[in-house]
Amino acid sequence: PPGDRPPMLRWLQAGVRDQVRVIATADVV
């Protein structure tokens, strides 16, 4: 059902060395 589908990812929080970066999925190669 539509309510059971997880929301589409537009942004990701990812660890980069000692930081947490907010990354747009469109920027991922």
PDB file of all heavy atoms in Angstrom:
ATOM      1  N   PRO A   1       0.840  -1.197   0.000  1.00  0.00           N
ATOM      2  CA  PRO A   1       0.000   0.000   0.000  1.00  0.00           C
ATOM      3  C   PRO A   1       0.876   1.247   0.000  1.00  0.00           C
ATOM      4  O   PRO A   1       2.026   1.200   0.451  1.00  0.00           O
ATOM      5  CB  PRO A   1      -0.786  -0.122   1.317  1.00  0.00           C
ATOM      6  CG  PRO A   1      -0.649  -1.544   1.735  1.00  0.00           C
ATOM      7  CD  PRO A   1       0.659  -2.011   1.195  1.00  0.00           C
ATOM      8  N   PRO A   2       0.361   2.362  -0.481  1.00  0.00           N
ATOM      9  CA  PRO A   2       1.199   3.558  -0.560  1.00  0.00           C
ATOM     10  C   PRO A   2       1.736   4.002   0.779  1.00  0.00           C
ATOM     11  O   PRO A   2       2.844   4.483   0.881  1.00  0.00           O
ATOM     12  CB  PRO A   2       0.249   4.607  -1.163  1.00  0.00           C
ATOM     13  CG  PRO A   2      -1.122   4.083  -0.916  1.00  0.00           C
ATOM     14  CD  PRO A   2      -1.002   2.591  -0.981  1.00  0.00           C
ATOM     15  N   GLY A   3       0.948   3.840   1.837  1.00  0.00           N
ATOM     16  CA  GLY A   3       1.402   4.263   3.146  1.00  0.00           C
ATOM     17  C   GLY A   3       2.519   3.414   3.704  1.00  0.00           C
ATOM     18  O   GLY A   3       3.149   3.783   4.685  1.00  0.00           O
ATOM     19  N   ASP A   4       2.787   2.220   3.106  1.00  0.00           N
ATOM     20  CA  ASP A   4       3.851   1.352   3.578  1.00  0.00           C
ATOM     21  C   ASP A   4       5.148   1.570   2.825  1.00  0.00           C
ATOM     22  O   ASP A   4       6.170   0.993   3.149  1.00  0.00           O
ATOM     23  CB  ASP A   4       3.437  -0.119   3.431  1.00  0.00           C
ATOM     24  CG  ASP A   4       2.328  -0.483   4.403  1.00  0.00           C
ATOM     25  OD1 ASP A   4       2.139   0.271   5.370  1.00  0.00           O
ATOM     26  OD2 ASP A   4       1.674  -1.500   4.190  1.00  0.00           O
ATOM     27  N   ARG A   5       5.115   2.358   1.761  1.00  0.00           N
ATOM     28  CA  ARG A   5       6.340   2.603   1.003  1.00  0.00           C
ATOM     29  C   ARG A   5       7.205   3.614   1.736  1.00  0.00           C
ATOM     30  O   ARG A   5       6.707   4.659   2.151  1.00  0.00           O
ATOM     31  CB  ARG A   5       6.002   3.118  -0.395  1.00  0.00           C
ATOM     32  CG  ARG A   5       5.253   2.093  -1.232  1.00  0.00           C
ATOM     33  CD  ARG A   5       4.964   2.623  -2.620  1.00  0.00           C
ATOM     34  NE  ARG A   5       4.214   1.666  -3.381  1.00  0.00           N
ATOM     35  CZ  ARG A   5       3.009   1.876  -3.897  1.00  0.00           C
ATOM     36  NH1 ARG A   5       2.420   3.036  -3.720  1.00  0.00           N
ATOM     37  NH2 ARG A   5       2.395   0.943  -4.583  1.00  0.00           N
ATOM     38  N   PRO A   6       8.494   3.315   1.887  1.00  0.00           N
ATOM     39  CA  PRO A   6       9.345   4.295   2.563  1.00  0.00           C
ATOM     40  C   PRO A   6       9.491   5.554   1.726  1.00  0.00           C
ATOM     41  O   PRO A   6       9.435   5.500   0.498  1.00  0.00           O
ATOM     42  CB  PRO A   6      10.695   3.560   2.688  1.00  0.00           C
ATOM     43  CG  PRO A   6      10.682   2.529   1.604  1.00  0.00           C
ATOM     44  CD  PRO A   6       9.233   2.124   1.439  1.00  0.00           C
ATOM     45  N   PRO A   7       9.662   6.704   2.367  1.00  0.00           N
ATOM     46  CA  PRO A   7       9.808   7.937   1.592  1.00  0.00           C
ATOM     47  C   PRO A   7      11.062   7.925   0.747  1.00  0.00           C
ATOM     48  O   PRO A   7      12.085   7.351   1.115  1.00  0.00           O
ATOM     49  CB  PRO A   7       9.879   9.017   2.680  1.00  0.00           C
ATOM     50  CG  PRO A   7      10.332   8.287   3.908  1.00  0.00           C
ATOM     51  CD  PRO A   7       9.752   6.913   3.811  1.00  0.00           C
ATOM     52  N   MET A   8      11.004   8.577  -0.425  1.00  0.00           N
ATOM     53  CA  MET A   8      12.155   8.626  -1.313  1.00  0.00           C
ATOM     54  C   MET A   8      13.253   9.491  -0.708  1.00  0.00           C
ATOM     55  O   MET A   8      12.992  10.545  -0.145  1.00  0.00           O
ATOM     56  CB  MET A   8      11.736   9.169  -2.688  1.00  0.00           C
ATOM     57  CG  MET A   8      12.794   9.019  -3.758  1.00  0.00           C
ATOM     58  SD  MET A   8      12.131   9.475  -5.398  1.00  0.00           S
ATOM     59  CE  MET A   8      10.902   8.185  -5.614  1.00  0.00           C
ATOM     60  N   LEU A   9      14.475   9.012  -0.821  1.00  0.00           N
ATOM     61  CA  LEU A   9      15.604   9.750  -0.257  1.00  0.00           C
ATOM     62  C   LEU A   9      16.008  10.895  -1.166  1.00  0.00           C
ATOM     63  O   LEU A   9      16.265  10.707  -2.347  1.00  0.00           O
ATOM     64  CB  LEU A   9      16.805   8.807  -0.075  1.00  0.00           C
ATOM     65  CG  LEU A   9      16.771   7.861   1.119  1.00  0.00           C
ATOM     66  CD1 LEU A   9      17.946   6.896   1.044  1.00  0.00           C
ATOM     67  CD2 LEU A   9      16.802   8.626   2.428  1.00  0.00           C
ATOM     68  N   ARG A  10      16.056  12.085  -0.618  1.00  0.00           N
ATOM     69  CA  ARG A  10      16.570  13.250  -1.326  1.00  0.00           C
ATOM     70  C   ARG A  10      17.878  13.729  -0.712  1.00  0.00           C
ATOM     71  O   ARG A  10      18.676  14.378  -1.382  1.00  0.00           O
ATOM     72  CB  ARG A  10      15.544  14.386  -1.280  1.00  0.00           C
ATOM     73  CG  ARG A  10      14.211  14.047  -1.927  1.00  0.00           C
ATOM     74  CD  ARG A  10      14.365  13.763  -3.409  1.00  0.00           C
ATOM     75  NE  ARG A  10      13.076  13.536  -4.038  1.00  0.00           N
ATOM     76  CZ  ARG A  10      12.925  13.095  -5.286  1.00  0.00           C
ATOM     77  NH1 ARG A  10      13.991  12.839  -6.024  1.00  0.00           N
ATOM     78  NH2 ARG A  10      11.722  12.913  -5.788  1.00  0.00           N
ATOM     79  N   TRP A  11      18.065  13.416   0.580  1.00  0.00           N
ATOM     80  CA  TRP A  11      19.253  13.843   1.312  1.00  0.00           C
ATOM     81  C   TRP A  11      19.758  12.686   2.154  1.00  0.00           C
ATOM     82  O   TRP A  11      18.985  11.850   2.603  1.00  0.00           O
ATOM     83  CB  TRP A  11      18.940  15.033   2.225  1.00  0.00           C
ATOM     84  CG  TRP A  11      18.378  16.213   1.500  1.00  0.00           C
ATOM     85  CD1 TRP A  11      17.061  16.458   1.225  1.00  0.00           C
ATOM     86  CD2 TRP A  11      19.113  17.291   0.919  1.00  0.00           C
ATOM     87  NE1 TRP A  11      16.928  17.615   0.517  1.00  0.00           N
ATOM     88  CE2 TRP A  11      18.174  18.165   0.319  1.00  0.00           C
ATOM     89  CE3 TRP A  11      20.469  17.620   0.866  1.00  0.00           C
ATOM     90  CZ2 TRP A  11      18.554  19.327  -0.330  1.00  0.00           C
ATOM     91  CZ3 TRP A  11      20.845  18.782   0.228  1.00  0.00           C
ATOM     92  CH2 TRP A  11      19.897  19.630  -0.364  1.00  0.00           C
ATOM     93  N   LEU A  12      21.077  12.661   2.379  1.00  0.00           N
ATOM     94  CA  LEU A  12      21.694  11.660   3.235  1.00  0.00           C
ATOM     95  C   LEU A  12      22.612  12.350   4.229  1.00  0.00           C
ATOM     96  O   LEU A  12      23.263  13.338   3.898  1.00  0.00           O
ATOM     97  CB  LEU A  12      22.519  10.666   2.404  1.00  0.00           C
ATOM     98  CG  LEU A  12      21.747   9.691   1.521  1.00  0.00           C
ATOM     99  CD1 LEU A  12      22.673   9.079   0.482  1.00  0.00           C
ATOM    100  CD2 LEU A  12      21.108   8.599   2.359  1.00  0.00           C
ATOM    101  N   GLN A  13      22.665  11.815   5.445  1.00  0.00           N
ATOM    102  CA  GLN A  13      23.661  12.261   6.411  1.00  0.00           C
ATOM    103  C   GLN A  13      24.755  11.213   6.458  1.00  0.00           C
ATOM    104  O   GLN A  13      24.481  10.036   6.707  1.00  0.00           O
ATOM    105  CB  GLN A  13      23.030  12.441   7.796  1.00  0.00           C
ATOM    106  CG  GLN A  13      22.012  13.559   7.854  1.00  0.00           C
ATOM    107  CD  GLN A  13      21.549  13.816   9.272  1.00  0.00           C
ATOM    108  OE1 GLN A  13      22.350  13.894  10.191  1.00  0.00           O
ATOM    109  NE2 GLN A  13      20.234  13.945   9.439  1.00  0.00           N
ATOM    110  N   ALA A  14      25.984  11.620   6.203  1.00  0.00           N
ATOM    111  CA  ALA A  14      27.090  10.677   6.076  1.00  0.00           C
ATOM    112  C   ALA A  14      28.314  11.183   6.813  1.00  0.00           C
ATOM    113  O   ALA A  14      28.553  12.394   6.906  1.00  0.00           O
ATOM    114  CB  ALA A  14      27.425  10.461   4.598  1.00  0.00           C
ATOM    115  N   GLY A  15      29.093  10.231   7.345  1.00  0.00           N
ATOM    116  CA  GLY A  15      30.326  10.587   8.033  1.00  0.00           C
ATOM    117  C   GLY A  15      31.466  10.812   7.057  1.00  0.00           C
ATOM    118  O   GLY A  15      31.736   9.962   6.199  1.00  0.00           O
ATOM    119  N   VAL A  16      32.116  11.962   7.169  1.00  0.00           N
ATOM    120  CA  VAL A  16      33.304  12.282   6.380  1.00  0.00           C
ATOM    121  C   VAL A  16      34.384  12.717   7.370  1.00  0.00           C
ATOM    122  O   VAL A  16      34.322  13.823   7.925  1.00  0.00           O
ATOM    123  CB  VAL A  16      33.027  13.408   5.358  1.00  0.00           C
ATOM    124  CG1 VAL A  16      34.276  13.694   4.533  1.00  0.00           C
ATOM    125  CG2 VAL A  16      31.862  13.030   4.443  1.00  0.00           C
ATOM    126  N   ARG A  17      35.334  11.810   7.639  1.00  0.00           N
ATOM    127  CA  ARG A  17      36.337  12.025   8.670  1.00  0.00           C
ATOM    128  C   ARG A  17      35.664  12.361  10.004  1.00  0.00           C
ATOM    129  O   ARG A  17      34.907  11.553  10.511  1.00  0.00           O
ATOM    130  CB  ARG A  17      37.346  13.092   8.218  1.00  0.00           C
ATOM    131  CG  ARG A  17      38.178  12.648   7.007  1.00  0.00           C
ATOM    132  CD  ARG A  17      39.226  13.663   6.629  1.00  0.00           C
ATOM    133  NE  ARG A  17      38.629  14.904   6.129  1.00  0.00           N
ATOM    134  CZ  ARG A  17      38.207  15.056   4.875  1.00  0.00           C
ATOM    135  NH1 ARG A  17      38.317  14.071   4.011  1.00  0.00           N
ATOM    136  NH2 ARG A  17      37.678  16.203   4.466  1.00  0.00           N
ATOM    137  N   ASP A  18      35.911  13.540  10.578  1.00  0.00           N
ATOM    138  CA  ASP A  18      35.319  13.876  11.877  1.00  0.00           C
ATOM    139  C   ASP A  18      34.085  14.750  11.739  1.00  0.00           C
ATOM    140  O   ASP A  18      33.693  15.451  12.671  1.00  0.00           O
ATOM    141  CB  ASP A  18      36.362  14.562  12.761  1.00  0.00           C
ATOM    142  CG  ASP A  18      36.893  15.853  12.140  1.00  0.00           C
ATOM    143  OD1 ASP A  18      36.660  16.058  10.934  1.00  0.00           O
ATOM    144  OD2 ASP A  18      37.526  16.637  12.874  1.00  0.00           O
ATOM    145  N   GLN A  19      33.450  14.717  10.558  1.00  0.00           N
ATOM    146  CA  GLN A  19      32.286  15.549  10.311  1.00  0.00           C
ATOM    147  C   GLN A  19      31.093  14.696   9.897  1.00  0.00           C
ATOM    148  O   GLN A  19      31.244  13.553   9.476  1.00  0.00           O
ATOM    149  CB  GLN A  19      32.567  16.566   9.188  1.00  0.00           C
ATOM    150  CG  GLN A  19      33.719  17.516   9.462  1.00  0.00           C
ATOM    151  CD  GLN A  19      33.993  18.400   8.257  1.00  0.00           C
ATOM    152  OE1 GLN A  19      33.793  18.000   7.108  1.00  0.00           O
ATOM    153  NE2 GLN A  19      34.441  19.620   8.517  1.00  0.00           N
ATOM    154  N   VAL A  20      29.932  15.281  10.048  1.00  0.00           N
ATOM    155  CA  VAL A  20      28.719  14.699   9.459  1.00  0.00           C
ATOM    156  C   VAL A  20      28.263  15.653   8.373  1.00  0.00           C
ATOM    157  O   VAL A  20      28.011  16.835   8.634  1.00  0.00           O
ATOM    158  CB  VAL A  20      27.608  14.511  10.514  1.00  0.00           C
ATOM    159  CG1 VAL A  20      26.328  14.024   9.832  1.00  0.00           C
ATOM    160  CG2 VAL A  20      28.037  13.523  11.581  1.00  0.00           C
ATOM    161  N   ARG A  21      28.206  15.156   7.155  1.00  0.00           N
ATOM    162  CA  ARG A  21      27.809  16.005   6.031  1.00  0.00           C
ATOM    163  C   ARG A  21      26.392  15.655   5.602  1.00  0.00           C
ATOM    164  O   ARG A  21      25.977  14.490   5.636  1.00  0.00           O
ATOM    165  CB  ARG A  21      28.757  15.819   4.844  1.00  0.00           C
ATOM    166  CG  ARG A  21      30.172  16.240   5.127  1.00  0.00           C
ATOM    167  CD  ARG A  21      31.007  16.301   3.878  1.00  0.00           C
ATOM    168  NE  ARG A  21      30.606  17.388   2.985  1.00  0.00           N
ATOM    169  CZ  ARG A  21      31.402  17.907   2.058  1.00  0.00           C
ATOM    170  NH1 ARG A  21      32.634  17.455   1.901  1.00  0.00           N
ATOM    171  NH2 ARG A  21      30.976  18.870   1.277  1.00  0.00           N
ATOM    172  N   VAL A  22      25.659  16.679   5.195  1.00  0.00           N
ATOM    173  CA  VAL A  22      24.331  16.481   4.604  1.00  0.00           C
ATOM    174  C   VAL A  22      24.518  16.546   3.091  1.00  0.00           C
ATOM    175  O   VAL A  22      24.935  17.568   2.545  1.00  0.00           O
ATOM    176  CB  VAL A  22      23.336  17.551   5.083  1.00  0.00           C
ATOM    177  CG1 VAL A  22      21.980  17.343   4.416  1.00  0.00           C
ATOM    178  CG2 VAL A  22      23.203  17.504   6.603  1.00  0.00           C
ATOM    179  N   ILE A  23      24.216  15.433   2.419  1.00  0.00           N
ATOM    180  CA  ILE A  23      24.550  15.279   0.998  1.00  0.00           C
ATOM    181  C   ILE A  23      23.273  15.052   0.202  1.00  0.00           C
ATOM    182  O   ILE A  23      22.465  14.172   0.527  1.00  0.00           O
ATOM    183  CB  ILE A  23      25.506  14.087   0.791  1.00  0.00           C
ATOM    184  CG1 ILE A  23      26.779  14.283   1.635  1.00  0.00           C
ATOM    185  CG2 ILE A  23      25.841  13.896  -0.677  1.00  0.00           C
ATOM    186  CD1 ILE A  23      27.624  13.037   1.753  1.00  0.00           C
ATOM    187  N   ALA A  24      23.086  15.832  -0.842  1.00  0.00           N
ATOM    188  CA  ALA A  24      21.957  15.601  -1.750  1.00  0.00           C
ATOM    189  C   ALA A  24      22.226  14.337  -2.557  1.00  0.00           C
ATOM    190  O   ALA A  24      23.328  14.146  -3.083  1.00  0.00           O
ATOM    191  CB  ALA A  24      21.792  16.796  -2.683  1.00  0.00           C
ATOM    192  N   THR A  25      21.251  13.457  -2.648  1.00  0.00           N
ATOM    193  CA  THR A  25      21.468  12.223  -3.409  1.00  0.00           C
ATOM    194  C   THR A  25      21.832  12.524  -4.863  1.00  0.00           C
ATOM    195  O   THR A  25      22.585  11.777  -5.490  1.00  0.00           O
ATOM    196  CB  THR A  25      20.221  11.321  -3.363  1.00  0.00           C
ATOM    197  OG1 THR A  25      19.077  12.065  -3.796  1.00  0.00           O
ATOM    198  CG2 THR A  25      19.985  10.789  -1.964  1.00  0.00           C
ATOM    199  N   ALA A  26      21.331  13.636  -5.403  1.00  0.00           N
ATOM    200  CA  ALA A  26      21.639  13.999  -6.790  1.00  0.00           C
ATOM    201  C   ALA A  26      23.123  14.256  -6.999  1.00  0.00           C
ATOM    202  O   ALA A  26      23.612  14.187  -8.134  1.00  0.00           O
ATOM    203  CB  ALA A  26      20.834  15.226  -7.206  1.00  0.00           C
ATOM    204  N   ASP A  27      23.871  14.550  -5.908  1.00  0.00           N
ATOM    205  CA  ASP A  27      25.309  14.820  -6.019  1.00  0.00           C
ATOM    206  C   ASP A  27      26.154  13.558  -5.949  1.00  0.00           C
ATOM    207  O   ASP A  27      27.374  13.617  -6.113  1.00  0.00           O
ATOM    208  CB  ASP A  27      25.748  15.780  -4.909  1.00  0.00           C
ATOM    209  CG  ASP A  27      25.172  17.176  -5.082  1.00  0.00           C
ATOM    210  OD1 ASP A  27      24.791  17.523  -6.223  1.00  0.00           O
ATOM    211  OD2 ASP A  27      25.099  17.909  -4.081  1.00  0.00           O
ATOM    212  N   VAL A  28      25.525  12.422  -5.678  1.00  0.00           N
ATOM    213  CA  VAL A  28      26.271  11.164  -5.562  1.00  0.00           C
ATOM    214  C   VAL A  28      26.526  10.589  -6.952  1.00  0.00           C
ATOM    215  O   VAL A  28      25.595  10.464  -7.761  1.00  0.00           O
ATOM    216  CB  VAL A  28      25.498  10.153  -4.691  1.00  0.00           C
ATOM    217  CG1 VAL A  28      26.257   8.827  -4.622  1.00  0.00           C
ATOM    218  CG2 VAL A  28      25.262  10.714  -3.295  1.00  0.00           C
ATOM    219  N   VAL A  29      27.780  10.243  -7.218  1.00  0.00           N
ATOM    220  CA  VAL A  29      28.136   9.632  -8.506  1.00  0.00           C
ATOM    221  C   VAL A  29      27.750   8.161  -8.505  1.00  0.00           C
ATOM    222  O   VAL A  29      27.114   7.669  -9.430  1.00  0.00           O
ATOM    223  CB  VAL A  29      29.639   9.796  -8.799  1.00  0.00           C
ATOM    224  CG1 VAL A  29      30.018   9.090 -10.105  1.00  0.00           C
ATOM    225  CG2 VAL A  29      30.014  11.270  -8.855  1.00  0.00           C
TER     226      VAL A  29
END
